[in-house]
C-alpha atoms as a PDB file:
ATOM      1  CA  MET A   1     -11.727  18.158  -7.818  1.00  0.00           C
ATOM      2  CA  SER A   2     -11.603  19.066 -11.031  1.00  0.00           C
ATOM      3  CA  PHE A   3     -13.548  21.704 -13.172  1.00  0.00           C
ATOM      4  CA  GLN A   4     -15.774  22.327  -9.903  1.00  0.00           C
ATOM      5  CA  GLU A   5     -17.696  19.533 -10.862  1.00  0.00           C
ATOM      6  CA  PRO A   6     -18.809  17.595  -6.732  1.00  0.00           C
ATOM      7  CA  VAL A   7     -17.922  14.091  -8.517  1.00  0.00           C
ATOM      8  CA  PRO A   8     -15.548  13.330 -11.179  1.00  0.00           C
ATOM      9  CA  LEU A   9     -16.194  11.677 -14.494  1.00  0.00           C
ATOM     10  CA  ILE A  10     -12.060   9.852 -14.049  1.00  0.00           C
ATOM     11  CA  SER A  11     -10.160   9.485 -11.091  1.00  0.00           C
ATOM     12  CA  VAL A  12      -7.028   9.448 -11.657  1.00  0.00           C
ATOM     13  CA  ILE A  13      -4.131   7.689  -9.535  1.00  0.00           C
ATOM     14  CA  ILE A  14      -0.893   7.789  -9.708  1.00  0.00           C
ATOM     15  CA  PRO A  15       1.497   6.358  -7.837  1.00  0.00           C
ATOM     16  CA  VAL A  16       4.933   8.263  -6.421  1.00  0.00           C
ATOM     17  CA  LEU A  17       8.449   6.452  -5.111  1.00  0.00           C
ATOM     18  CA  HIS A  18      10.312   9.912  -5.968  1.00  0.00           C
ATOM     19  CA  LEU A  19       9.967  13.712  -6.941  1.00  0.00           C
ATOM     20  CA  SER A  20      13.452  14.088  -8.825  1.00  0.00           C
ATOM     21  CA  ARG A  21      13.650  10.150 -11.034  1.00  0.00           C
ATOM     22  CA  PRO A  22      16.837   8.392 -10.204  1.00  0.00           C
ATOM     23  CA  VAL A  23      18.698   8.012 -13.831  1.00  0.00           C
ATOM     24  CA  ASN A  24      20.037   4.885 -15.090  1.00  0.00           C
ATOM     25  CA  PRO A  25      23.163   4.834 -15.856  1.00  0.00           C
ATOM     26  CA  ARG A  26      22.742   2.559 -18.975  1.00  0.00           C
ATOM     27  CA  ARG A  27      20.093   5.708 -20.087  1.00  0.00           C
ATOM     28  CA  PHE A  28      21.598   8.161 -19.357  1.00  0.00           C
ATOM     29  CA  PHE A  29      20.533  10.364 -22.320  1.00  0.00           C
ATOM     30  CA  SER A  30      17.381   9.765 -22.268  1.00  0.00           C
ATOM     31  CA  PRO A  31      14.763  11.491 -20.802  1.00  0.00           C
ATOM     32  CA  ARG A  32      13.022  11.777 -17.765  1.00  0.00           C
ATOM     33  CA  TYR A  33       9.469  12.311 -17.063  1.00  0.00           C
ATOM     34  CA  THR A  34       9.076  13.217 -13.217  1.00  0.00           C
ATOM     35  CA  ILE A  35       5.108  13.877 -11.613  1.00  0.00           C
ATOM     36  CA  ARG A  36       5.243  17.543 -12.268  1.00  0.00           C
ATOM     37  CA  ASP A  37       5.451  17.155 -16.264  1.00  0.00           C
ATOM     38  CA  VAL A  38       2.243  14.906 -15.441  1.00  0.00           C
ATOM     39  CA  LEU A  39       0.637  16.632 -13.532  1.00  0.00           C
ATOM     40  CA  ARG A  40       0.734  19.933 -15.526  1.00  0.00           C
ATOM     41  CA  ASP A  41       0.460  16.937 -19.201  1.00  0.00           C
ATOM     42  CA  VAL A  42      -3.521  15.581 -16.800  1.00  0.00           C
ATOM     43  CA  TRP A  43      -4.349  19.274 -16.208  1.00  0.00           C
ATOM     44  CA  GLU A  44      -3.481  20.711 -19.469  1.00  0.00           C
ATOM     45  CA  HIS A  45      -4.800  18.573 -21.699  1.00  0.00           C
ATOM     46  CA  ILE A  46      -7.987  16.142 -19.979  1.00  0.00           C
ATOM     47  CA  THR A  47     -11.077  18.167 -21.214  1.00  0.00           C
ATOM     48  CA  ILE A  48     -13.437  16.241 -19.133  1.00  0.00           C
ATOM     49  CA  PRO A  49     -14.103  16.447 -15.046  1.00  0.00           C
ATOM     50  CA  PHE A  50     -11.453  14.334 -13.149  1.00  0.00           C
ATOM     51  CA  GLU A  51      -9.679  14.096  -9.919  1.00  0.00           C
ATOM     52  CA  VAL A  52      -6.187  13.625  -9.314  1.00  0.00           C
ATOM     53  CA  ILE A  53      -4.973  10.711  -6.576  1.00  0.00           C
ATOM     54  CA  ILE A  54      -1.063  10.876  -5.443  1.00  0.00           C
ATOM     55  CA  VAL A  55       0.474   7.707  -3.624  1.00  0.00           C
ATOM     56  CA  CYS A  56       3.671   8.688  -1.604  1.00  0.00           C
ATOM     57  CA  ASN A  57       5.484   6.325  -1.214  1.00  0.00           C
ATOM     58  CA  GLY A  58       8.829   6.399   0.908  1.00  0.00           C
ATOM     59  CA  ASP A  59      10.190   9.332   2.851  1.00  0.00           C
ATOM     60  CA  ASP A  60      11.628  11.752   0.304  1.00  0.00           C
ATOM     61  CA  PRO A  61      11.011  15.197   1.616  1.00  0.00           C
ATOM     62  CA  ALA A  62      10.746  16.880  -0.816  1.00  0.00           C
ATOM     63  CA  LEU A  63       8.145  14.313  -2.362  1.00  0.00           C
ATOM     64  CA  ILE A  64       5.833  14.561   0.871  1.00  0.00           C
ATOM     65  CA  ASP A  65       6.209  18.705   0.586  1.00  0.00           C
ATOM     66  CA  PHE A  66       5.284  18.696  -2.870  1.00  0.00           C
ATOM     67  CA  VAL A  67       2.034  16.300  -2.067  1.00  0.00           C
ATOM     68  CA  ARG A  68       1.301  18.135   0.166  1.00  0.00           C
ATOM     69  CA  THR A  69       1.011  21.545  -1.192  1.00  0.00           C
ATOM     70  CA  ASP A  70       0.222  21.645  -5.155  1.00  0.00           C
ATOM     71  CA  ARG A  71      -3.138  22.567  -5.186  1.00  0.00           C
ATOM     72  CA  ARG A  72      -3.288  20.282  -8.641  1.00  0.00           C
ATOM     73  CA  ILE A  73      -3.242  17.765  -6.767  1.00  0.00           C
ATOM     74  CA  ASP A  74      -7.166  16.567  -5.056  1.00  0.00           C
ATOM     75  CA  LYS A  75      -6.168  13.677  -2.317  1.00  0.00           C
ATOM     76  CA  TYR A  76      -3.241  11.924  -1.837  1.00  0.00           C
ATOM     77  CA  CYS A  77      -1.472   9.240   0.753  1.00  0.00           C
ATOM     78  CA  LEU A  78       1.309   8.999   2.231  1.00  0.00           C
ATOM     79  CA  ASN A  79       3.202   6.290   2.932  1.00  0.00           C
ATOM     80  CA  SER A  80       5.932   6.241   5.119  1.00  0.00           C
ATOM     81  CA  VAL A  81       7.104   2.261   3.527  1.00  0.00           C
ATOM     82  CA  ASN A  82       7.333   1.339  -0.643  1.00  0.00           C
ATOM     83  CA  ALA A  83       4.220   0.052  -0.422  1.00  0.00           C
ATOM     84  CA  GLY A  84       4.095  -1.487  -4.188  1.00  0.00           C
ATOM     85  CA  VAL A  85       2.278  -1.656  -7.089  1.00  0.00           C
ATOM     86  CA  ALA A  86      -0.815  -3.495  -6.212  1.00  0.00           C
ATOM     87  CA  ARG A  87      -1.063  -1.788  -3.224  1.00  0.00           C
ATOM     88  CA  SER A  88      -1.022   1.491  -4.584  1.00  0.00           C
ATOM     89  CA  TRP A  89      -2.931   1.515  -6.520  1.00  0.00           C
ATOM     90  CA  ASN A  90      -6.250   0.430  -4.340  1.00  0.00           C
ATOM     91  CA  MET A  91      -5.282   2.382  -2.096  1.00  0.00           C
ATOM     92  CA  GLY A  92      -5.439   4.888  -4.707  1.00  0.00           C
ATOM     93  CA  ALA A  93      -8.287   2.885  -5.616  1.00  0.00           C
ATOM     94  CA  GLN A  94     -10.298   3.261  -2.190  1.00  0.00           C
ATOM     95  CA  LEU A  95      -9.852   7.547  -2.179  1.00  0.00           C
ATOM     96  CA  ALA A  96     -11.612   7.890  -5.580  1.00  0.00           C
ATOM     97  CA  GLU A  97     -15.480   8.713  -6.384  1.00  0.00           C
ATOM     98  CA  GLY A  98     -15.158   8.494 -10.185  1.00  0.00           C
ATOM     99  CA  SER A  99     -17.288   5.721 -12.302  1.00  0.00           C
ATOM    100  CA  VAL A 100     -13.938   5.411 -13.552  1.00  0.00           C
ATOM    101  CA  LEU A 101     -10.730   4.417 -12.484  1.00  0.00           C
ATOM    102  CA  CYS A 102      -7.822   5.624 -14.390  1.00  0.00           C
ATOM    103  CA  PHE A 103      -3.855   3.952 -12.892  1.00  0.00           C
ATOM    104  CA  LEU A 104      -0.988   6.118 -14.732  1.00  0.00           C
ATOM    105  CA  ASN A 105       2.040   5.699 -13.902  1.00  0.00           C
ATOM    106  CA  ASP A 106       4.685   9.154 -12.680  1.00  0.00           C
ATOM    107  CA  ASP A 107       6.898   8.947 -16.340  1.00  0.00           C
ATOM    108  CA  VAL A 108       4.240   9.465 -18.869  1.00  0.00           C
ATOM    109  CA  SER A 109       2.843  11.548 -21.045  1.00  0.00           C
ATOM    110  CA  ILE A 110      -0.467  12.774 -21.473  1.00  0.00           C
ATOM    111  CA  GLY A 111      -0.881  14.885 -24.934  1.00  0.00           C
ATOM    112  CA  PRO A 112      -4.103  16.667 -25.976  1.00  0.00           C
ATOM    113  CA  GLY A 113      -7.899  13.690 -26.705  1.00  0.00           C
ATOM    114  CA  ALA A 114      -5.740  10.510 -25.314  1.00  0.00           C
ATOM    115  CA  LEU A 115      -7.697  10.714 -22.174  1.00  0.00           C
ATOM    116  CA  GLU A 116     -11.063  10.996 -24.102  1.00  0.00           C
ATOM    117  CA  ALA A 117     -10.349   8.439 -26.462  1.00  0.00           C
ATOM    118  CA  LEU A 118      -9.624   6.030 -23.792  1.00  0.00           C
ATOM    119  CA  TYR A 119     -13.282   7.000 -21.738  1.00  0.00           C
ATOM    120  CA  GLU A 120     -15.183   6.710 -24.978  1.00  0.00           C
ATOM    121  CA  THR A 121     -13.935   3.478 -26.471  1.00  0.00           C
ATOM    122  CA  LEU A 122     -15.047   2.088 -22.344  1.00  0.00           C
ATOM    123  CA  HIS A 123     -18.124   3.474 -22.919  1.00  0.00           C
ATOM    124  CA  SER A 124     -18.865   2.342 -26.656  1.00  0.00           C
ATOM    125  CA  SER A 125     -19.839  -1.361 -25.622  1.00  0.00           C
ATOM    126  CA  PRO A 126     -21.132  -3.186 -22.319  1.00  0.00           C
ATOM    127  CA  ASP A 127     -18.098  -5.730 -22.309  1.00  0.00           C
ATOM    128  CA  ILE A 128     -15.919  -3.790 -22.843  1.00  0.00           C
ATOM    129  CA  GLY A 129     -13.795  -3.380 -19.225  1.00  0.00           C
ATOM    130  CA  GLN A 130     -10.748  -2.652 -19.407  1.00  0.00           C
ATOM    131  CA  VAL A 131      -9.090  -0.356 -21.626  1.00  0.00           C
ATOM    132  CA  GLY A 132      -5.351   1.106 -22.241  1.00  0.00           C
ATOM    133  CA  PRO A 133      -3.055   2.621 -25.449  1.00  0.00           C
ATOM    134  CA  VAL A 134      -1.032  -0.632 -25.507  1.00  0.00           C
ATOM    135  CA  GLY A 135      -1.892  -4.202 -25.097  1.00  0.00           C
ATOM    136  CA  ALA A 136      -1.126  -7.613 -25.415  1.00  0.00           C
ATOM    137  CA  ARG A 137      -1.170 -10.837 -26.846  1.00  0.00           C
ATOM    138  CA  TRP A 138       0.033 -13.900 -23.896  1.00  0.00           C
ATOM    139  CA  ARG A 139       1.440 -17.432 -24.647  1.00  0.00           C
ATOM    140  CA  GLY A 140       0.805 -19.271 -20.878  1.00  0.00           C
ATOM    141  CA  ALA A 141       3.272 -16.372 -18.733  1.00  0.00           C
ATOM    142  CA  GLU A 142       5.014 -15.149 -21.919  1.00  0.00           C
ATOM    143  CA  HIS A 143       4.401 -11.518 -23.543  1.00  0.00           C
ATOM    144  CA  GLU A 144       4.031 -13.118 -27.620  1.00  0.00           C
ATOM    145  CA  ARG A 145       3.398  -9.819 -29.493  1.00  0.00           C
ATOM    146  CA  PHE A 146       1.754  -6.462 -29.505  1.00  0.00           C
ATOM    147  CA  VAL A 147      -1.910  -5.680 -31.224  1.00  0.00           C
ATOM    148  CA  GLY A 148      -3.779  -2.965 -32.008  1.00  0.00           C
ATOM    149  CA  GLU A 149      -1.174  -1.131 -32.865  1.00  0.00           C
ATOM    150  CA  GLU A 150      -3.384   0.010 -36.504  1.00  0.00           C
ATOM    151  CA  HIS A 151      -6.590  -0.487 -35.253  1.00  0.00           C
ATOM    152  CA  ILE A 152      -8.922  -1.306 -31.673  1.00  0.00           C
ATOM    153  CA  GLU A 153      -8.371  -4.902 -31.358  1.00  0.00           C
ATOM    154  CA  ASP A 154      -8.957  -6.523 -28.160  1.00  0.00           C
ATOM    155  CA  ALA A 155      -5.644  -8.212 -26.063  1.00  0.00           C
ATOM    156  CA  ASP A 156      -5.452 -10.767 -23.324  1.00  0.00           C
ATOM    157  CA  ALA A 157      -3.390  -7.233 -20.708  1.00  0.00           C
ATOM    158  CA  ILE A 158      -3.349  -3.525 -20.911  1.00  0.00           C
ATOM    159  CA  ALA A 159      -0.070  -2.606 -19.961  1.00  0.00           C
ATOM    160  CA  GLY A 160       0.567  -1.162 -17.217  1.00  0.00           C
ATOM    161  CA  PHE A 161       1.535   2.406 -17.404  1.00  0.00           C
ATOM    162  CA  CYS A 162      -2.256   4.142 -19.306  1.00  0.00           C
ATOM    163  CA  PHE A 163      -4.923   2.348 -17.857  1.00  0.00           C
ATOM    164  CA  LEU A 164      -8.698   2.648 -17.219  1.00  0.00           C
ATOM    165  CA  VAL A 165     -12.012   0.350 -16.334  1.00  0.00           C
ATOM    166  CA  TRP A 166     -14.992   1.025 -14.622  1.00  0.00           C
ATOM    167  CA  ALA A 167     -14.851   1.495 -10.744  1.00  0.00           C
ATOM    168  CA  ASP A 168     -17.541  -0.952 -10.535  1.00  0.00           C
ATOM    169  CA  LEU A 169     -15.613  -3.617 -12.339  1.00  0.00           C
ATOM    170  CA  TYR A 170     -13.004  -3.156 -10.388  1.00  0.00           C
ATOM    171  CA  ARG A 171     -15.061  -3.936  -7.131  1.00  0.00           C
ATOM    172  CA  ARG A 172     -16.436  -7.183  -8.753  1.00  0.00           C
ATOM    173  CA  ILE A 173     -13.247  -8.878  -8.918  1.00  0.00           C
ATOM    174  CA  GLY A 174     -11.731  -8.148  -5.091  1.00  0.00           C
ATOM    175  CA  GLY A 175      -8.956  -4.213  -6.382  1.00  0.00           C
ATOM    176  CA  PHE A 176      -5.495  -5.444  -6.949  1.00  0.00           C
ATOM    177  CA  ASP A 177      -3.332  -9.201  -6.133  1.00  0.00           C
ATOM    178  CA  VAL A 178      -1.216  -8.005  -3.185  1.00  0.00           C
ATOM    179  CA  ALA A 179       0.827 -10.996  -3.555  1.00  0.00           C
ATOM    180  CA  TYR A 180       2.877  -9.500  -6.625  1.00  0.00           C
ATOM    181  CA  SER A 181       4.648  -6.749  -4.449  1.00  0.00           C
ATOM    182  CA  PRO A 182       6.595  -5.107  -4.960  1.00  0.00           C
ATOM    183  CA  ALA A 183       5.848  -4.867  -8.775  1.00  0.00           C
ATOM    184  CA  GLY A 184       5.703  -7.165 -11.834  1.00  0.00           C
ATOM    185  CA  PHE A 185       2.721  -9.114 -13.433  1.00  0.00           C
ATOM    186  CA  GLU A 186      -0.151  -7.052 -11.074  1.00  0.00           C
ATOM    187  CA  GLU A 187      -1.767  -5.547 -14.488  1.00  0.00           C
ATOM    188  CA  ILE A 188      -1.051  -8.641 -16.513  1.00  0.00           C
ATOM    189  CA  ASP A 189      -3.263 -10.196 -13.368  1.00  0.00           C
ATOM    190  CA  PHE A 190      -6.208  -7.865 -13.867  1.00  0.00           C
ATOM    191  CA  SER A 191      -6.397  -7.669 -17.184  1.00  0.00           C
ATOM    192  CA  PHE A 192      -7.354 -11.591 -16.405  1.00  0.00           C
ATOM    193  CA  ALA A 193      -9.223 -11.345 -14.032  1.00  0.00           C
ATOM    194  CA  VAL A 194     -10.853  -8.453 -16.163  1.00  0.00           C
ATOM    195  CA  ARG A 195     -11.551 -11.012 -18.940  1.00  0.00           C
ATOM    196  CA  HIS A 196     -12.662 -14.070 -16.400  1.00  0.00           C
ATOM    197  CA  ALA A 197     -15.239 -12.165 -15.104  1.00  0.00           C
ATOM    198  CA  GLY A 198     -16.347 -12.345 -18.557  1.00  0.00           C
ATOM    199  CA  PHE A 199     -15.329  -8.345 -20.173  1.00  0.00           C
ATOM    200  CA  ARG A 200     -13.052  -7.446 -22.672  1.00  0.00           C
ATOM    201  CA  CYS A 201      -9.882  -6.359 -22.648  1.00  0.00           C
ATOM    202  CA  VAL A 202      -9.439  -3.202 -26.177  1.00  0.00           C
ATOM    203  CA  VAL A 203      -5.952  -1.650 -27.144  1.00  0.00           C
ATOM    204  CA  VAL A 204      -7.296   2.480 -28.039  1.00  0.00           C
ATOM    205  CA  PRO A 205      -3.780   2.480 -30.810  1.00  0.00           C
ATOM    206  CA  LYS A 206      -2.153   5.845 -32.149  1.00  0.00           C
ATOM    207  CA  LEU A 207      -3.070   7.892 -28.644  1.00  0.00           C
ATOM    208  CA  ALA A 208      -0.691  10.941 -27.742  1.00  0.00           C
ATOM    209  CA  VAL A 209       0.781   8.532 -24.843  1.00  0.00           C
ATOM    210  CA  ARG A 210       3.946   8.181 -24.495  1.00  0.00           C
ATOM    211  CA  HIS A 211       6.397   6.445 -21.717  1.00  0.00           C
ATOM    212  CA  TYR A 212       9.535   7.083 -20.803  1.00  0.00           C
ATOM    213  CA  HIS A 213      10.378   4.125 -19.068  1.00  0.00           C
ATOM    214  CA  HIS A 214      13.828   4.635 -19.588  1.00  0.00           C
ATOM    215  CA  HIS A 215      14.543   5.134 -15.969  1.00  0.00           C
ATOM    216  CA  GLY A 216      12.272   2.768 -14.035  1.00  0.00           C
ATOM    217  CA  VAL A 217      13.485  -0.319 -11.640  1.00  0.00           C
ATOM    218  CA  SER A 218      12.195  -2.798 -14.491  1.00  0.00           C
ATOM    219  CA  ALA A 219      14.322  -1.488 -17.078  1.00  0.00           C
ATOM    220  CA  TYR A 220      17.953  -2.377 -15.658  1.00  0.00           C
ATOM    221  CA  LYS A 221      18.892  -4.860 -12.467  1.00  0.00           C
ATOM    222  CA  THR A 222      18.488  -3.051  -8.900  1.00  0.00           C
ATOM    223  CA  GLU A 223      17.615  -4.307  -5.276  1.00  0.00           C
ATOM    224  CA  ILE A 224      14.098  -2.697  -5.022  1.00  0.00           C
ATOM    225  CA  ARG A 225      13.049  -1.688  -1.469  1.00  0.00           C
ATOM    226  CA  TYR A 226       9.120  -2.436  -0.357  1.00  0.00           C
ATOM    227  CA  LEU A 227       7.750  -2.221   2.722  1.00  0.00           C
ATOM    228  CA  SER A 228      10.600  -4.976   5.203  1.00  0.00           C
ATOM    229  CA  HIS A 229      11.766  -6.418   3.090  1.00  0.00           C
ATOM    230  CA  SER A 230      14.355  -6.549   0.000  1.00  0.00           C
ATOM    231  CA  ILE A 231      14.532  -7.920  -3.265  1.00  0.00           C
ATOM    232  CA  ASP A 232      16.597  -7.720  -6.902  1.00  0.00           C
ATOM    233  CA  THR A 233      14.426  -7.558  -9.773  1.00  0.00           C
ATOM    234  CA  VAL A 234      15.910 -10.698 -11.470  1.00  0.00           C
ATOM    235  CA  ALA A 235      14.344 -12.762  -8.346  1.00  0.00           C
ATOM    236  CA  LEU A 236      11.285 -10.219  -8.490  1.00  0.00           C
ATOM    237  CA  HIS A 237      10.433 -11.595 -11.962  1.00  0.00           C
ATOM    238  CA  GLU A 238      10.254 -15.283 -11.890  1.00  0.00           C
ATOM    239  CA  ARG A 239       9.043 -15.801  -8.454  1.00  0.00           C
ATOM    240  CA  ASN A 240       5.865 -13.877  -9.445  1.00  0.00           C
ATOM    241  CA  LYS A 241       5.806 -15.486 -13.325  1.00  0.00           C
ATOM    242  CA  ALA A 242       5.760 -18.582 -10.672  1.00  0.00           C
ATOM    243  CA  TYR A 243       2.985 -16.957  -8.949  1.00  0.00           C
ATOM    244  CA  PHE A 244       1.360 -15.961 -11.712  1.00  0.00           C
ATOM    245  CA  MET A 245       1.163 -19.427 -13.708  1.00  0.00           C
ATOM    246  CA  ALA A 246       0.346 -21.217 -10.243  1.00  0.00           C
ATOM    247  CA  LYS A 247      -2.923 -19.044  -9.873  1.00  0.00           C
ATOM    248  CA  TRP A 248      -4.017 -19.097 -13.465  1.00  0.00           C
ATOM    249  CA  GLY A 249      -3.250 -22.598 -14.133  1.00  0.00           C
ATOM    250  CA  ILE A 250      -0.612 -22.307 -16.932  1.00  0.00           C
ATOM    251  CA  GLY A 251       2.231 -25.118 -17.495  1.00  0.00           C
ATOM    252  CA  HIS A 252       5.750 -24.347 -18.438  1.00  0.00           C
ATOM    253  CA  VAL A 253       5.879 -22.866 -21.367  1.00  0.00           C
ATOM    254  CA  ALA A 254       8.473 -24.164 -23.918  1.00  0.00           C
END
């Protein structure tokens, strides 16, 4: 574990599907961030004890070799198929020993002081359960507006690319709902569960965190293979939205 600590304060959990991210042709000139960049940021910029947990999805030999041999990775899980986001987060959490779980995409840059600010905010009040750099108000099953862009503010849901949650609260909620597999709405569902349990979701703005989302599968229409299934991103969004609405008793929004 990092910093020679017997028990880390933060377990950083990162699902990874590709070592070299495929290019979105429509955003060809947009920069790509990869797991190599993320690990560099984590090790250079986090100053409190942490561990890195990688959940590797798929059969990319280069990625598997990288995960097995990179010494910056404390723990890893190798899946022969794409298990999807919710299952991957749950797998990482099962390996975690930190009192706080940090769920991080493999295309997010973390600058100096960012994780520390989130960690401090999480500790600032006993009723705060989840924190992140971006969050929003939701109207039914629709994103209404971003919040916390100028000052710390409560949100209905925290964006899924980077957030911290108490490990005990994660376990109380029961983790992430795998019915959303492979991806979409699982992070919104989780924030709803945090608030349903009586805790706040809080946004901490103006941190050195940037999501290079342009080459992710959610940025364009494509087919996603997961477990023994395949689904296109448009059908996936509609399926998961319907499930989310039924689960939380949300009627159709005009």
